[in-house]
Amino acid sequence: MFGMPVGTIAGYFYFDDNKFIRTDFLNENQLMLGLNQRFTKYC
């Protein structure tokens, strides 16, 4: 995962976020919807 985009929740602290590219979402629901859209593009 190093250097790759990772879905995260805006405002949350991640102790290792310097090792990946944050892709912030407003809440957990928005994160799940965003991940769903990302994966359905490639199916």
N, C-alpha and C. Protein backbone atom coordinates (compact mmCIF):
# COMPACT_ATOMS: atom_id res chain seq x y z
N MET A 1 0.80 -1.19 0.00
CA MET A 1 0.00 0.00 0.00
C MET A 1 0.85 1.26 0.00
N PHE A 2 2.12 1.13 0.16
CA PHE A 2 2.98 2.30 0.22
C PHE A 2 2.88 3.11 -1.07
N GLY A 3 2.57 4.40 -0.94
CA GLY A 3 2.48 5.29 -2.08
C GLY A 3 1.21 5.17 -2.89
N MET A 4 0.27 4.33 -2.45
CA MET A 4 -0.98 4.13 -3.19
C MET A 4 -2.11 4.92 -2.53
N PRO A 5 -3.15 5.29 -3.30
CA PRO A 5 -4.30 5.97 -2.71
C PRO A 5 -5.08 5.02 -1.79
N VAL A 6 -5.48 5.55 -0.63
CA VAL A 6 -6.23 4.78 0.35
C VAL A 6 -7.42 5.62 0.80
N GLY A 7 -8.61 5.04 0.79
CA GLY A 7 -9.80 5.74 1.26
C GLY A 7 -9.74 5.94 2.77
N THR A 8 -9.88 7.19 3.20
CA THR A 8 -9.84 7.53 4.62
C THR A 8 -11.01 8.44 4.95
N ILE A 9 -11.26 8.61 6.24
CA ILE A 9 -12.32 9.50 6.71
C ILE A 9 -11.69 10.84 7.07
N ALA A 10 -12.21 11.91 6.47
CA ALA A 10 -11.69 13.26 6.72
C ALA A 10 -11.76 13.57 8.21
N GLY A 11 -10.70 14.12 8.73
CA GLY A 11 -10.65 14.50 10.14
C GLY A 11 -10.10 13.41 11.05
N TYR A 12 -10.02 12.17 10.58
CA TYR A 12 -9.47 11.09 11.38
C TYR A 12 -7.95 11.12 11.30
N PHE A 13 -7.31 10.75 12.38
CA PHE A 13 -5.85 10.68 12.42
C PHE A 13 -5.41 9.26 12.10
N TYR A 14 -4.48 9.14 11.17
CA TYR A 14 -3.88 7.85 10.83
C TYR A 14 -2.39 7.98 11.08
N PHE A 15 -1.85 7.16 11.97
CA PHE A 15 -0.47 7.33 12.39
C PHE A 15 0.53 7.10 11.26
N ASP A 16 0.14 6.41 10.21
CA ASP A 16 1.07 6.10 9.12
C ASP A 16 0.65 6.73 7.80
N ASP A 17 -0.10 7.85 7.85
CA ASP A 17 -0.62 8.42 6.62
C ASP A 17 0.45 9.07 5.75
N ASN A 18 1.66 9.12 6.23
CA ASN A 18 2.77 9.61 5.39
C ASN A 18 3.26 8.52 4.43
N LYS A 19 2.75 7.30 4.59
CA LYS A 19 3.18 6.18 3.75
C LYS A 19 2.23 5.89 2.61
N PHE A 20 1.06 6.56 2.58
CA PHE A 20 0.11 6.35 1.50
C PHE A 20 -0.53 7.69 1.14
N ILE A 21 -1.26 7.69 0.04
CA ILE A 21 -1.93 8.90 -0.44
C ILE A 21 -3.37 8.87 0.08
N ARG A 22 -3.70 9.84 0.93
CA ARG A 22 -5.05 9.90 1.50
C ARG A 22 -6.06 10.32 0.45
N THR A 23 -7.19 9.63 0.44
CA THR A 23 -8.34 10.03 -0.34
C THR A 23 -9.47 10.19 0.66
N ASP A 24 -9.67 11.43 1.12
CA ASP A 24 -10.61 11.70 2.21
C ASP A 24 -12.07 11.70 1.75
N PHE A 25 -12.91 11.09 2.57
CA PHE A 25 -14.35 11.09 2.41
C PHE A 25 -14.96 11.68 3.66
N LEU A 26 -16.15 12.25 3.55
CA LEU A 26 -16.77 12.93 4.68
C LEU A 26 -17.16 11.99 5.81
N ASN A 27 -17.57 10.77 5.48
CA ASN A 27 -17.98 9.81 6.50
C ASN A 27 -17.85 8.39 5.95
N GLU A 28 -18.16 7.42 6.78
CA GLU A 28 -18.00 6.02 6.39
C GLU A 28 -18.92 5.65 5.21
N ASN A 29 -20.13 6.21 5.20
CA ASN A 29 -21.07 5.92 4.12
C ASN A 29 -20.53 6.41 2.79
N GLN A 30 -20.00 7.63 2.76
CA GLN A 30 -19.43 8.17 1.53
C GLN A 30 -18.21 7.37 1.08
N LEU A 31 -17.44 6.89 2.02
CA LEU A 31 -16.28 6.05 1.70
C LEU A 31 -16.73 4.77 1.00
N MET A 32 -17.75 4.12 1.54
CA MET A 32 -18.24 2.88 0.94
C MET A 32 -18.80 3.13 -0.45
N LEU A 33 -19.53 4.24 -0.63
CA LEU A 33 -20.07 4.57 -1.95
C LEU A 33 -18.94 4.84 -2.93
N GLY A 34 -17.91 5.55 -2.48
CA GLY A 34 -16.76 5.84 -3.34
C GLY A 34 -16.01 4.59 -3.74
N LEU A 35 -15.84 3.68 -2.80
CA LEU A 35 -15.15 2.42 -3.12
C LEU A 35 -15.98 1.60 -4.09
N ASN A 36 -17.29 1.59 -3.90
CA ASN A 36 -18.17 0.85 -4.79
C ASN A 36 -18.05 1.38 -6.22
N GLN A 37 -18.05 2.69 -6.39
CA GLN A 37 -17.92 3.29 -7.72
C GLN A 37 -16.58 2.95 -8.33
N ARG A 38 -15.55 2.97 -7.54
CA ARG A 38 -14.21 2.67 -8.04
C ARG A 38 -14.12 1.25 -8.56
N PHE A 39 -14.66 0.29 -7.81
CA PHE A 39 -14.54 -1.10 -8.21
C PHE A 39 -15.48 -1.46 -9.35
N THR A 40 -16.64 -0.82 -9.43
CA THR A 40 -17.57 -1.17 -10.50
C THR A 40 -17.09 -0.63 -11.84
N LYS A 41 -16.19 0.34 -11.85
CA LYS A 41 -15.61 0.83 -13.10
C LYS A 41 -14.83 -0.26 -13.81
N TYR A 42 -14.21 -1.15 -13.02
CA TYR A 42 -13.30 -2.14 -13.58
C TYR A 42 -13.94 -3.50 -13.76
N CYS A 43 -15.22 -3.63 -13.44
CA CYS A 43 -15.88 -4.92 -13.60
C CYS A 43 -16.59 -5.03 -14.93
